[in-house]
Amino acid sequence: MSDELDFRMTDLEERLASADGAKVRSDILNKLTASGENISKKINTGLPPEEFEKAQVVYQGLAAAHEIMSVFPVEKQK
């Protein structure tokens, strides 16, 4: 790919494109999983309706981020 087309907008994209990209992605996936499990436990123990709705939105966001990060291209470690 030409340098002109190799554009990244965020620090995260830069980190994922680095030589440590696979580890960066793995660390992020682990954090997303742990956060999702934490929210899920709170949902399952029972929350007031307003907090329950917020927790569901956060959980869905974490799941979506995990799905995207799972397929995001990274630099393979050499």
PDB file of N, CA and C in Angstrom:
ATOM      1  N   MET A   1       0.856  -1.165   0.000  1.00  0.00           N
ATOM      2  CA  MET A   1       0.000   0.000   0.000  1.00  0.00           C
ATOM      3  C   MET A   1       0.905   1.232   0.000  1.00  0.00           C
ATOM      4  N   SER A   2       0.545   2.213  -0.759  1.00  0.00           N
ATOM      5  CA  SER A   2       1.351   3.426  -0.792  1.00  0.00           C
ATOM      6  C   SER A   2       1.215   4.162   0.531  1.00  0.00           C
ATOM      7  N   ASP A   3       2.238   4.967   0.841  1.00  0.00           N
ATOM      8  CA  ASP A   3       2.213   5.731   2.089  1.00  0.00           C
ATOM      9  C   ASP A   3       1.036   6.685   2.140  1.00  0.00           C
ATOM     10  N   GLU A   4       0.584   7.171   0.993  1.00  0.00           N
ATOM     11  CA  GLU A   4      -0.535   8.095   0.952  1.00  0.00           C
ATOM     12  C   GLU A   4      -1.831   7.441   1.414  1.00  0.00           C
ATOM     13  N   LEU A   5      -1.976   6.144   1.190  1.00  0.00           N
ATOM     14  CA  LEU A   5      -3.195   5.435   1.557  1.00  0.00           C
ATOM     15  C   LEU A   5      -3.099   4.788   2.940  1.00  0.00           C
ATOM     16  N   ASP A   6      -1.927   4.792   3.522  1.00  0.00           N
ATOM     17  CA  ASP A   6      -1.710   4.178   4.830  1.00  0.00           C
ATOM     18  C   ASP A   6      -1.980   5.223   5.913  1.00  0.00           C
ATOM     19  N   PHE A   7      -3.262   5.525   6.130  1.00  0.00           N
ATOM     20  CA  PHE A   7      -3.690   6.604   7.019  1.00  0.00           C
ATOM     21  C   PHE A   7      -4.400   6.043   8.231  1.00  0.00           C
ATOM     22  N   ARG A   8      -4.005   6.505   9.401  1.00  0.00           N
ATOM     23  CA  ARG A   8      -4.665   6.108  10.638  1.00  0.00           C
ATOM     24  C   ARG A   8      -5.100   7.364  11.378  1.00  0.00           C
ATOM     25  N   MET A   9      -6.295   7.328  11.930  1.00  0.00           N
ATOM     26  CA  MET A   9      -6.845   8.515  12.578  1.00  0.00           C
ATOM     27  C   MET A   9      -6.574   8.574  14.075  1.00  0.00           C
ATOM     28  N   THR A  10      -6.393   7.432  14.706  1.00  0.00           N
ATOM     29  CA  THR A  10      -6.301   7.437  16.162  1.00  0.00           C
ATOM     30  C   THR A  10      -5.017   6.777  16.659  1.00  0.00           C
ATOM     31  N   ASP A  11      -4.704   7.070  17.902  1.00  0.00           N
ATOM     32  CA  ASP A  11      -3.567   6.439  18.556  1.00  0.00           C
ATOM     33  C   ASP A  11      -3.765   4.920  18.606  1.00  0.00           C
ATOM     34  N   LEU A  12      -4.991   4.497  18.821  1.00  0.00           N
ATOM     35  CA  LEU A  12      -5.276   3.062  18.874  1.00  0.00           C
ATOM     36  C   LEU A  12      -4.938   2.397  17.544  1.00  0.00           C
ATOM     37  N   GLU A  13      -5.323   3.011  16.452  1.00  0.00           N
ATOM     38  CA  GLU A  13      -4.992   2.450  15.139  1.00  0.00           C
ATOM     39  C   GLU A  13      -3.474   2.359  14.946  1.00  0.00           C
ATOM     40  N   GLU A  14      -2.768   3.368  15.412  1.00  0.00           N
ATOM     41  CA  GLU A  14      -1.302   3.349  15.328  1.00  0.00           C
ATOM     42  C   GLU A  14      -0.737   2.191  16.145  1.00  0.00           C
ATOM     43  N   ARG A  15      -1.257   2.011  17.352  1.00  0.00           N
ATOM     44  CA  ARG A  15      -0.781   0.925  18.211  1.00  0.00           C
ATOM     45  C   ARG A  15      -1.094  -0.443  17.607  1.00  0.00           C
ATOM     46  N   LEU A  16      -2.265  -0.595  17.006  1.00  0.00           N
ATOM     47  CA  LEU A  16      -2.631  -1.868  16.387  1.00  0.00           C
ATOM     48  C   LEU A  16      -1.781  -2.155  15.154  1.00  0.00           C
ATOM     49  N   ALA A  17      -1.311  -1.115  14.483  1.00  0.00           N
ATOM     50  CA  ALA A  17      -0.494  -1.285  13.286  1.00  0.00           C
ATOM     51  C   ALA A  17       0.982  -1.488  13.620  1.00  0.00           C
ATOM     52  N   SER A  18       1.346  -1.312  14.881  1.00  0.00           N
ATOM     53  CA  SER A  18       2.749  -1.458  15.277  1.00  0.00           C
ATOM     54  C   SER A  18       3.142  -2.933  15.312  1.00  0.00           C
ATOM     55  N   ALA A  19       4.417  -3.164  15.542  1.00  0.00           N
ATOM     56  CA  ALA A  19       4.918  -4.546  15.629  1.00  0.00           C
ATOM     57  C   ALA A  19       4.259  -5.314  16.773  1.00  0.00           C
ATOM     58  N   ASP A  20       3.766  -4.594  17.777  1.00  0.00           N
ATOM     59  CA  ASP A  20       3.090  -5.217  18.927  1.00  0.00           C
ATOM     60  C   ASP A  20       1.575  -5.251  18.758  1.00  0.00           C
ATOM     61  N   GLY A  21       1.082  -5.046  17.550  1.00  0.00           N
ATOM     62  CA  GLY A  21      -0.356  -4.949  17.294  1.00  0.00           C
ATOM     63  C   GLY A  21      -1.159  -6.126  17.808  1.00  0.00           C
ATOM     64  N   ALA A  22      -0.644  -7.338  17.630  1.00  0.00           N
ATOM     65  CA  ALA A  22      -1.384  -8.525  18.073  1.00  0.00           C
ATOM     66  C   ALA A  22      -1.529  -8.530  19.601  1.00  0.00           C
ATOM     67  N   LYS A  23      -0.485  -8.124  20.309  1.00  0.00           N
ATOM     68  CA  LYS A  23      -0.559  -8.067  21.773  1.00  0.00           C
ATOM     69  C   LYS A  23      -1.503  -6.956  22.214  1.00  0.00           C
ATOM     70  N   VAL A  24      -1.445  -5.819  21.543  1.00  0.00           N
ATOM     71  CA  VAL A  24      -2.343  -4.703  21.869  1.00  0.00           C
ATOM     72  C   VAL A  24      -3.785  -5.164  21.731  1.00  0.00           C
ATOM     73  N   ARG A  25      -4.084  -5.827  20.606  1.00  0.00           N
ATOM     74  CA  ARG A  25      -5.454  -6.305  20.387  1.00  0.00           C
ATOM     75  C   ARG A  25      -5.848  -7.315  21.455  1.00  0.00           C
ATOM     76  N   SER A  26      -4.966  -8.239  21.775  1.00  0.00           N
ATOM     77  CA  SER A  26      -5.251  -9.246  22.795  1.00  0.00           C
ATOM     78  C   SER A  26      -5.537  -8.590  24.146  1.00  0.00           C
ATOM     79  N   ASP A  27      -4.737  -7.603  24.517  1.00  0.00           N
ATOM     80  CA  ASP A  27      -4.949  -6.903  25.785  1.00  0.00           C
ATOM     81  C   ASP A  27      -6.305  -6.200  25.800  1.00  0.00           C
ATOM     82  N   ILE A  28      -6.653  -5.561  24.694  1.00  0.00           N
ATOM     83  CA  ILE A  28      -7.936  -4.859  24.609  1.00  0.00           C
ATOM     84  C   ILE A  28      -9.089  -5.856  24.685  1.00  0.00           C
ATOM     85  N   LEU A  29      -8.980  -6.963  23.975  1.00  0.00           N
ATOM     86  CA  LEU A  29     -10.038  -7.979  24.018  1.00  0.00           C
ATOM     87  C   LEU A  29     -10.212  -8.514  25.438  1.00  0.00           C
ATOM     88  N   ASN A  30      -9.110  -8.716  26.140  1.00  0.00           N
ATOM     89  CA  ASN A  30      -9.192  -9.187  27.534  1.00  0.00           C
ATOM     90  C   ASN A  30      -9.906  -8.174  28.418  1.00  0.00           C
ATOM     91  N   LYS A  31      -9.588  -6.887  28.234  1.00  0.00           N
ATOM     92  CA  LYS A  31     -10.248  -5.837  29.029  1.00  0.00           C
ATOM     93  C   LYS A  31     -11.736  -5.760  28.698  1.00  0.00           C
ATOM     94  N   LEU A  32     -12.078  -5.865  27.423  1.00  0.00           N
ATOM     95  CA  LEU A  32     -13.487  -5.823  27.026  1.00  0.00           C
ATOM     96  C   LEU A  32     -14.247  -7.010  27.607  1.00  0.00           C
ATOM     97  N   THR A  33     -13.625  -8.179  27.576  1.00  0.00           N
ATOM     98  CA  THR A  33     -14.253  -9.381  28.129  1.00  0.00           C
ATOM     99  C   THR A  33     -14.469  -9.233  29.632  1.00  0.00           C
ATOM    100  N   ALA A  34     -13.442  -8.788  30.343  1.00  0.00           N
ATOM    101  CA  ALA A  34     -13.556  -8.626  31.791  1.00  0.00           C
ATOM    102  C   ALA A  34     -14.618  -7.584  32.142  1.00  0.00           C
ATOM    103  N   SER A  35     -14.646  -6.492  31.405  1.00  0.00           N
ATOM    104  CA  SER A  35     -15.649  -5.455  31.666  1.00  0.00           C
ATOM    105  C   SER A  35     -17.054  -5.973  31.389  1.00  0.00           C
ATOM    106  N   GLY A  36     -17.198  -6.731  30.308  1.00  0.00           N
ATOM    107  CA  GLY A  36     -18.503  -7.315  29.979  1.00  0.00           C
ATOM    108  C   GLY A  36     -18.974  -8.281  31.045  1.00  0.00           C
ATOM    109  N   GLU A  37     -18.054  -9.093  31.554  1.00  0.00           N
ATOM    110  CA  GLU A  37     -18.409 -10.035  32.615  1.00  0.00           C
ATOM    111  C   GLU A  37     -18.822  -9.293  33.887  1.00  0.00           C
ATOM    112  N   ASN A  38     -18.132  -8.214  34.194  1.00  0.00           N
ATOM    113  CA  ASN A  38     -18.457  -7.413  35.370  1.00  0.00           C
ATOM    114  C   ASN A  38     -19.857  -6.812  35.250  1.00  0.00           C
ATOM    115  N   ILE A  39     -20.162  -6.231  34.105  1.00  0.00           N
ATOM    116  CA  ILE A  39     -21.488  -5.644  33.881  1.00  0.00           C
ATOM    117  C   ILE A  39     -22.560  -6.728  33.909  1.00  0.00           C
ATOM    118  N   SER A  40     -22.265  -7.868  33.301  1.00  0.00           N
ATOM    119  CA  SER A  40     -23.222  -8.970  33.270  1.00  0.00           C
ATOM    120  C   SER A  40     -23.568  -9.438  34.683  1.00  0.00           C
ATOM    121  N   LYS A  41     -22.566  -9.525  35.539  1.00  0.00           N
ATOM    122  CA  LYS A  41     -22.811  -9.923  36.936  1.00  0.00           C
ATOM    123  C   LYS A  41     -23.736  -8.926  37.629  1.00  0.00           C
ATOM    124  N   LYS A  42     -23.486  -7.639  37.390  1.00  0.00           N
ATOM    125  CA  LYS A  42     -24.339  -6.609  37.996  1.00  0.00           C
ATOM    126  C   LYS A  42     -25.771  -6.719  37.481  1.00  0.00           C
ATOM    127  N   ILE A  43     -25.918  -6.965  36.185  1.00  0.00           N
ATOM    128  CA  ILE A  43     -27.257  -7.120  35.596  1.00  0.00           C
ATOM    129  C   ILE A  43     -27.963  -8.320  36.223  1.00  0.00           C
ATOM    130  N   ASN A  44     -27.239  -9.416  36.370  1.00  0.00           N
ATOM    131  CA  ASN A  44     -27.836 -10.651  36.887  1.00  0.00           C
ATOM    132  C   ASN A  44     -28.168 -10.606  38.373  1.00  0.00           C
ATOM    133  N   THR A  45     -27.512  -9.722  39.119  1.00  0.00           N
ATOM    134  CA  THR A  45     -27.813  -9.626  40.550  1.00  0.00           C
ATOM    135  C   THR A  45     -29.012  -8.735  40.812  1.00  0.00           C
ATOM    136  N   GLY A  46     -29.420  -8.008  39.786  1.00  0.00           N
ATOM    137  CA  GLY A  46     -30.585  -7.151  39.925  1.00  0.00           C
ATOM    138  C   GLY A  46     -30.198  -5.697  40.143  1.00  0.00           C
ATOM    139  N   LEU A  47     -30.755  -4.856  39.344  1.00  0.00           N
ATOM    140  CA  LEU A  47     -30.507  -3.422  39.417  1.00  0.00           C
ATOM    141  C   LEU A  47     -31.828  -2.679  39.330  1.00  0.00           C
ATOM    142  N   PRO A  48     -31.884  -1.474  39.862  1.00  0.00           N
ATOM    143  CA  PRO A  48     -33.079  -0.653  39.658  1.00  0.00           C
ATOM    144  C   PRO A  48     -33.289  -0.440  38.153  1.00  0.00           C
ATOM    145  N   PRO A  49     -34.533  -0.268  37.721  1.00  0.00           N
ATOM    146  CA  PRO A  49     -34.825  -0.169  36.281  1.00  0.00           C
ATOM    147  C   PRO A  49     -33.945   0.811  35.509  1.00  0.00           C
ATOM    148  N   GLU A  50     -33.719   2.002  36.067  1.00  0.00           N
ATOM    149  CA  GLU A  50     -32.913   2.999  35.355  1.00  0.00           C
ATOM    150  C   GLU A  50     -31.470   2.516  35.176  1.00  0.00           C
ATOM    151  N   GLU A  51     -30.904   1.943  36.214  1.00  0.00           N
ATOM    152  CA  GLU A  51     -29.537   1.429  36.134  1.00  0.00           C
ATOM    153  C   GLU A  51     -29.465   0.196  35.248  1.00  0.00           C
ATOM    154  N   PHE A  52     -30.516  -0.621  35.274  1.00  0.00           N
ATOM    155  CA  PHE A  52     -30.559  -1.815  34.436  1.00  0.00           C
ATOM    156  C   PHE A  52     -30.478  -1.433  32.961  1.00  0.00           C
ATOM    157  N   GLU A  53     -31.240  -0.441  32.566  1.00  0.00           N
ATOM    158  CA  GLU A  53     -31.230   0.001  31.170  1.00  0.00           C
ATOM    159  C   GLU A  53     -29.849   0.510  30.771  1.00  0.00           C
ATOM    160  N   LYS A  54     -29.230   1.305  31.628  1.00  0.00           N
ATOM    161  CA  LYS A  54     -27.894   1.825  31.348  1.00  0.00           C
ATOM    162  C   LYS A  54     -26.880   0.682  31.256  1.00  0.00           C
ATOM    163  N   ALA A  55     -26.984  -0.263  32.161  1.00  0.00           N
ATOM    164  CA  ALA A  55     -26.063  -1.400  32.167  1.00  0.00           C
ATOM    165  C   ALA A  55     -26.211  -2.228  30.892  1.00  0.00           C
ATOM    166  N   GLN A  56     -27.434  -2.390  30.423  1.00  0.00           N
ATOM    167  CA  GLN A  56     -27.650  -3.133  29.179  1.00  0.00           C
ATOM    168  C   GLN A  56     -27.000  -2.428  28.001  1.00  0.00           C
ATOM    169  N   VAL A  57     -27.124  -1.113  27.946  1.00  0.00           N
ATOM    170  CA  VAL A  57     -26.512  -0.343  26.859  1.00  0.00           C
ATOM    171  C   VAL A  57     -24.991  -0.476  26.906  1.00  0.00           C
ATOM    172  N   VAL A  58     -24.435  -0.374  28.099  1.00  0.00           N
ATOM    173  CA  VAL A  58     -22.984  -0.519  28.245  1.00  0.00           C
ATOM    174  C   VAL A  58     -22.558  -1.923  27.824  1.00  0.00           C
ATOM    175  N   TYR A  59     -23.292  -2.927  28.262  1.00  0.00           N
ATOM    176  CA  TYR A  59     -22.971  -4.311  27.902  1.00  0.00           C
ATOM    177  C   TYR A  59     -23.012  -4.508  26.387  1.00  0.00           C
ATOM    178  N   GLN A  60     -24.037  -3.993  25.748  1.00  0.00           N
ATOM    179  CA  GLN A  60     -24.149  -4.112  24.294  1.00  0.00           C
ATOM    180  C   GLN A  60     -23.000  -3.389  23.594  1.00  0.00           C
ATOM    181  N   GLY A  61     -22.611  -2.228  24.117  1.00  0.00           N
ATOM    182  CA  GLY A  61     -21.478  -1.498  23.554  1.00  0.00           C
ATOM    183  C   GLY A  61     -20.180  -2.267  23.681  1.00  0.00           C
ATOM    184  N   LEU A  62     -19.971  -2.875  24.839  1.00  0.00           N
ATOM    185  CA  LEU A  62     -18.771  -3.689  25.037  1.00  0.00           C
ATOM    186  C   LEU A  62     -18.758  -4.889  24.093  1.00  0.00           C
ATOM    187  N   ALA A  63     -19.910  -5.512  23.911  1.00  0.00           N
ATOM    188  CA  ALA A  63     -19.994  -6.661  23.007  1.00  0.00           C
ATOM    189  C   ALA A  63     -19.701  -6.235  21.565  1.00  0.00           C
ATOM    190  N   ALA A  64     -20.219  -5.090  21.155  1.00  0.00           N
ATOM    191  CA  ALA A  64     -19.966  -4.588  19.808  1.00  0.00           C
ATOM    192  C   ALA A  64     -18.487  -4.254  19.625  1.00  0.00           C
ATOM    193  N   ALA A  65     -17.889  -3.613  20.626  1.00  0.00           N
ATOM    194  CA  ALA A  65     -16.467  -3.282  20.552  1.00  0.00           C
ATOM    195  C   ALA A  65     -15.626  -4.554  20.467  1.00  0.00           C
ATOM    196  N   HIS A  66     -16.007  -5.572  21.215  1.00  0.00           N
ATOM    197  CA  HIS A  66     -15.286  -6.854  21.186  1.00  0.00           C
ATOM    198  C   HIS A  66     -15.378  -7.478  19.794  1.00  0.00           C
ATOM    199  N   GLU A  67     -16.563  -7.443  19.213  1.00  0.00           N
ATOM    200  CA  GLU A  67     -16.757  -8.018  17.883  1.00  0.00           C
ATOM    201  C   GLU A  67     -15.891  -7.300  16.841  1.00  0.00           C
ATOM    202  N   ILE A  68     -15.870  -5.990  16.900  1.00  0.00           N
ATOM    203  CA  ILE A  68     -15.071  -5.213  15.952  1.00  0.00           C
ATOM    204  C   ILE A  68     -13.588  -5.455  16.177  1.00  0.00           C
ATOM    205  N   MET A  69     -13.158  -5.401  17.422  1.00  0.00           N
ATOM    206  CA  MET A  69     -11.741  -5.584  17.720  1.00  0.00           C
ATOM    207  C   MET A  69     -11.265  -6.987  17.343  1.00  0.00           C
ATOM    208  N   SER A  70     -12.155  -7.978  17.419  1.00  0.00           N
ATOM    209  CA  SER A  70     -11.791  -9.356  17.083  1.00  0.00           C
ATOM    210  C   SER A  70     -11.367  -9.509  15.633  1.00  0.00           C
ATOM    211  N   VAL A  71     -11.899  -8.678  14.771  1.00  0.00           N
ATOM    212  CA  VAL A  71     -11.592  -8.805  13.338  1.00  0.00           C
ATOM    213  C   VAL A  71     -10.736  -7.657  12.815  1.00  0.00           C
ATOM    214  N   PHE A  72     -10.380  -6.703  13.681  1.00  0.00           N
ATOM    215  CA  PHE A  72      -9.594  -5.558  13.245  1.00  0.00           C
ATOM    216  C   PHE A  72      -8.195  -6.045  12.847  1.00  0.00           C
ATOM    217  N   PRO A  73      -7.728  -5.660  11.675  1.00  0.00           N
ATOM    218  CA  PRO A  73      -6.410  -6.130  11.224  1.00  0.00           C
ATOM    219  C   PRO A  73      -5.281  -5.560  12.090  1.00  0.00           C
ATOM    220  N   VAL A  74      -4.333  -6.405  12.440  1.00  0.00           N
ATOM    221  CA  VAL A  74      -3.177  -5.981  13.232  1.00  0.00           C
ATOM    222  C   VAL A  74      -1.897  -6.484  12.572  1.00  0.00           C
ATOM    223  N   GLU A  75      -0.809  -5.857  12.964  1.00  0.00           N
ATOM    224  CA  GLU A  75       0.499  -6.306  12.514  1.00  0.00           C
ATOM    225  C   GLU A  75       0.831  -7.588  13.282  1.00  0.00           C
ATOM    226  N   LYS A  76       1.164  -8.619  12.568  1.00  0.00           N
ATOM    227  CA  LYS A  76       1.520  -9.884  13.218  1.00  0.00           C
ATOM    228  C   LYS A  76       2.923  -9.772  13.802  1.00  0.00           C
ATOM    229  N   GLN A  77       3.121 -10.349  14.969  1.00  0.00           N
ATOM    230  CA  GLN A  77       4.442 -10.328  15.572  1.00  0.00           C
ATOM    231  C   GLN A  77       5.393 -11.179  14.751  1.00  0.00           C
ATOM    232  N   LYS A  78       6.601 -10.693  14.631  1.00  0.00           N
ATOM    233  CA  LYS A  78       7.603 -11.406  13.803  1.00  0.00           C
ATOM    234  C   LYS A  78       8.511 -12.241  14.652  1.00  0.00           C
TER     235      LYS A  78
END
